[in-house]
Amino acid sequence: MSFLDILKSFIPLLLILGLLFGVLILVRKFSFSMNGKKSQMFKLDVISNQLILPKKYLSVVRVRDKVLILGISENNITLLKELEYCDMEEDVNIEQKDLKKNFVDAFKRNLGIR
């Protein structure tokens, strides 16, 4: 076997590897991506996952202005509840301020200070 025969056998191999690499680049460029820019287009955010049983999860997902509560098992995904999305951080901050105020008032009342 001469060097020319070996070279002739490697040229198709290199062409096939080049084509596979090109297809890989195209698939990465045009496919759905959960961790990058493409997921922002759908405004999809997984808020929480909770393991219930082995291979069974309860998941809270926000899609645009909806919050979906999903039951996820090995074979299917079931929509359990659909809620409207509201920013809960503002509500929590307001409740914490009221709680601090109410706690101080309750503490003063229990100590007899008015």
C-alpha atoms as a PDB file:
ATOM      1  CA  MET A   1       0.000   0.000   0.000  1.00  0.00           C
ATOM      2  CA  SER A   2       1.487   3.278  -1.061  1.00  0.00           C
ATOM      3  CA  PHE A   3       1.204   6.725   0.474  1.00  0.00           C
ATOM      4  CA  LEU A   4      -1.175   7.779  -2.320  1.00  0.00           C
ATOM      5  CA  ASP A   5      -3.592   4.941  -1.484  1.00  0.00           C
ATOM      6  CA  ILE A   6      -3.602   5.946   2.197  1.00  0.00           C
ATOM      7  CA  LEU A   7      -4.207   9.568   1.249  1.00  0.00           C
ATOM      8  CA  LYS A   8      -7.107   8.551  -1.029  1.00  0.00           C
ATOM      9  CA  SER A   9      -8.766   6.695   1.850  1.00  0.00           C
ATOM     10  CA  PHE A  10      -8.410   9.622   4.299  1.00  0.00           C
ATOM     11  CA  ILE A  11      -9.885  12.271   1.960  1.00  0.00           C
ATOM     12  CA  PRO A  12     -13.477  10.861   2.119  1.00  0.00           C
ATOM     13  CA  LEU A  13     -13.106  10.440   5.888  1.00  0.00           C
ATOM     14  CA  LEU A  14     -12.115  14.095   6.276  1.00  0.00           C
ATOM     15  CA  LEU A  15     -15.003  15.197   4.025  1.00  0.00           C
ATOM     16  CA  ILE A  16     -17.532  13.226   6.089  1.00  0.00           C
ATOM     17  CA  LEU A  17     -16.148  14.626   9.348  1.00  0.00           C
ATOM     18  CA  GLY A  18     -16.328  18.144   7.892  1.00  0.00           C
ATOM     19  CA  LEU A  19     -19.955  17.639   6.847  1.00  0.00           C
ATOM     20  CA  LEU A  20     -20.873  16.283  10.293  1.00  0.00           C
ATOM     21  CA  PHE A  21     -19.217  19.292  11.948  1.00  0.00           C
ATOM     22  CA  GLY A  22     -21.145  21.646   9.628  1.00  0.00           C
ATOM     23  CA  VAL A  23     -24.441  19.942  10.493  1.00  0.00           C
ATOM     24  CA  LEU A  24     -23.587  20.219  14.205  1.00  0.00           C
ATOM     25  CA  ILE A  25     -23.026  23.963  13.857  1.00  0.00           C
ATOM     26  CA  LEU A  26     -26.338  24.413  12.001  1.00  0.00           C
ATOM     27  CA  VAL A  27     -28.278  22.400  14.580  1.00  0.00           C
ATOM     28  CA  ARG A  28     -26.790  24.414  17.442  1.00  0.00           C
ATOM     29  CA  LYS A  29     -27.532  27.680  15.685  1.00  0.00           C
ATOM     30  CA  PHE A  30     -31.158  27.016  14.744  1.00  0.00           C
ATOM     31  CA  SER A  31     -32.372  24.679  17.477  1.00  0.00           C
ATOM     32  CA  PHE A  32     -34.307  25.410  20.651  1.00  0.00           C
ATOM     33  CA  SER A  33     -31.994  26.279  23.523  1.00  0.00           C
ATOM     34  CA  MET A  34     -33.177  26.217  27.160  1.00  0.00           C
ATOM     35  CA  ASN A  35     -30.199  28.007  28.665  1.00  0.00           C
ATOM     36  CA  GLY A  36     -29.562  30.856  26.287  1.00  0.00           C
ATOM     37  CA  LYS A  37     -31.024  33.568  24.174  1.00  0.00           C
ATOM     38  CA  LYS A  38     -33.716  31.422  22.601  1.00  0.00           C
ATOM     39  CA  SER A  39     -35.498  30.732  25.911  1.00  0.00           C
ATOM     40  CA  GLN A  40     -35.821  34.486  26.473  1.00  0.00           C
ATOM     41  CA  MET A  41     -37.832  34.663  23.267  1.00  0.00           C
ATOM     42  CA  PHE A  42     -40.474  32.415  24.867  1.00  0.00           C
ATOM     43  CA  LYS A  43     -40.116  34.119  28.276  1.00  0.00           C
ATOM     44  CA  LEU A  44     -39.906  30.717  29.927  1.00  0.00           C
ATOM     45  CA  ASP A  45     -38.648  30.431  33.498  1.00  0.00           C
ATOM     46  CA  VAL A  46     -38.642  27.377  35.753  1.00  0.00           C
ATOM     47  CA  ILE A  47     -39.362  28.777  39.205  1.00  0.00           C
ATOM     48  CA  SER A  48     -39.198  25.577  41.239  1.00  0.00           C
ATOM     49  CA  ASN A  49     -39.040  21.780  41.026  1.00  0.00           C
ATOM     50  CA  GLN A  50     -40.068  19.524  43.897  1.00  0.00           C
ATOM     51  CA  LEU A  51     -39.427  15.770  43.960  1.00  0.00           C
ATOM     52  CA  ILE A  52     -42.560  13.930  45.130  1.00  0.00           C
ATOM     53  CA  LEU A  53     -41.675  10.300  44.371  1.00  0.00           C
ATOM     54  CA  PRO A  54     -38.814   8.793  42.385  1.00  0.00           C
ATOM     55  CA  LYS A  55     -39.184  10.070  38.806  1.00  0.00           C
ATOM     56  CA  LYS A  56     -42.237  12.187  39.751  1.00  0.00           C
ATOM     57  CA  TYR A  57     -41.952  15.936  40.177  1.00  0.00           C
ATOM     58  CA  LEU A  58     -44.118  18.934  40.861  1.00  0.00           C
ATOM     59  CA  SER A  59     -42.853  21.899  38.870  1.00  0.00           C
ATOM     60  CA  VAL A  60     -43.766  25.594  38.862  1.00  0.00           C
ATOM     61  CA  VAL A  61     -43.061  27.255  35.499  1.00  0.00           C
ATOM     62  CA  ARG A  62     -43.631  30.852  34.415  1.00  0.00           C
ATOM     63  CA  VAL A  63     -44.506  31.383  30.750  1.00  0.00           C
ATOM     64  CA  ARG A  64     -44.943  35.053  29.857  1.00  0.00           C
ATOM     65  CA  ASP A  65     -47.698  36.275  32.226  1.00  0.00           C
ATOM     66  CA  LYS A  66     -48.915  32.839  33.389  1.00  0.00           C
ATOM     67  CA  VAL A  67     -47.685  30.549  36.147  1.00  0.00           C
ATOM     68  CA  LEU A  68     -48.202  26.873  35.395  1.00  0.00           C
ATOM     69  CA  ILE A  69     -48.131  24.146  38.033  1.00  0.00           C
ATOM     70  CA  LEU A  70     -47.148  20.922  36.296  1.00  0.00           C
ATOM     71  CA  GLY A  71     -47.106  17.313  37.415  1.00  0.00           C
ATOM     72  CA  ILE A  72     -44.172  15.620  35.700  1.00  0.00           C
ATOM     73  CA  SER A  73     -43.706  11.856  35.604  1.00  0.00           C
ATOM     74  CA  GLU A  74     -41.599   9.516  33.524  1.00  0.00           C
ATOM     75  CA  ASN A  75     -44.196   9.189  30.767  1.00  0.00           C
ATOM     76  CA  ASN A  76     -46.186  12.427  30.724  1.00  0.00           C
ATOM     77  CA  ILE A  77     -46.618  16.015  31.848  1.00  0.00           C
ATOM     78  CA  THR A  78     -49.948  17.114  33.323  1.00  0.00           C
ATOM     79  CA  LEU A  79     -51.141  20.686  33.791  1.00  0.00           C
ATOM     80  CA  LEU A  80     -52.493  20.863  37.344  1.00  0.00           C
ATOM     81  CA  LYS A  81     -53.222  24.583  37.693  1.00  0.00           C
ATOM     82  CA  GLU A  82     -52.806  27.777  35.693  1.00  0.00           C
ATOM     83  CA  LEU A  83     -52.424  31.068  37.562  1.00  0.00           C
ATOM     84  CA  GLU A  84     -51.873  34.699  36.624  1.00  0.00           C
ATOM     85  CA  TYR A  85     -48.336  35.919  37.293  1.00  0.00           C
ATOM     86  CA  CYS A  86     -47.799  38.744  39.739  1.00  0.00           C
ATOM     87  CA  ASP A  87     -44.463  39.907  41.062  1.00  0.00           C
ATOM     88  CA  MET A  88     -44.400  38.463  44.563  1.00  0.00           C
ATOM     89  CA  GLU A  89     -41.272  40.296  45.724  1.00  0.00           C
ATOM     90  CA  GLU A  90     -43.185  43.568  46.099  1.00  0.00           C
ATOM     91  CA  ASP A  91     -45.942  41.847  48.090  1.00  0.00           C
ATOM     92  CA  VAL A  92     -43.388  40.137  50.353  1.00  0.00           C
ATOM     93  CA  ASN A  93     -41.605  43.448  51.063  1.00  0.00           C
ATOM     94  CA  ILE A  94     -44.907  45.139  51.971  1.00  0.00           C
ATOM     95  CA  GLU A  95     -45.913  42.229  54.216  1.00  0.00           C
ATOM     96  CA  GLN A  96     -42.523  42.257  55.955  1.00  0.00           C
ATOM     97  CA  LYS A  97     -42.824  45.979  56.685  1.00  0.00           C
ATOM     98  CA  ASP A  98     -46.336  45.474  58.086  1.00  0.00           C
ATOM     99  CA  LEU A  99     -45.148  42.474  60.088  1.00  0.00           C
ATOM    100  CA  LYS A 100     -42.324  44.483  61.662  1.00  0.00           C
ATOM    101  CA  LYS A 101     -44.709  47.269  62.523  1.00  0.00           C
ATOM    102  CA  ASN A 102     -47.287  44.873  63.926  1.00  0.00           C
ATOM    103  CA  PHE A 103     -44.685  42.913  65.891  1.00  0.00           C
ATOM    104  CA  VAL A 104     -43.329  46.066  67.505  1.00  0.00           C
ATOM    105  CA  ASP A 105     -46.855  47.160  68.405  1.00  0.00           C
ATOM    106  CA  ALA A 106     -47.689  43.725  69.804  1.00  0.00           C
ATOM    107  CA  PHE A 107     -44.429  43.654  71.760  1.00  0.00           C
ATOM    108  CA  LYS A 108     -45.084  47.072  73.257  1.00  0.00           C
ATOM    109  CA  ARG A 109     -48.623  46.071  74.208  1.00  0.00           C
ATOM    110  CA  ASN A 110     -47.379  42.915  75.900  1.00  0.00           C
ATOM    111  CA  LEU A 111     -44.765  44.858  77.853  1.00  0.00           C
ATOM    112  CA  GLY A 112     -47.305  47.466  78.866  1.00  0.00           C
ATOM    113  CA  ILE A 113     -45.544  50.284  76.929  1.00  0.00           C
ATOM    114  CA  ARG A 114     -47.795  52.503  74.907  1.00  0.00           C
END
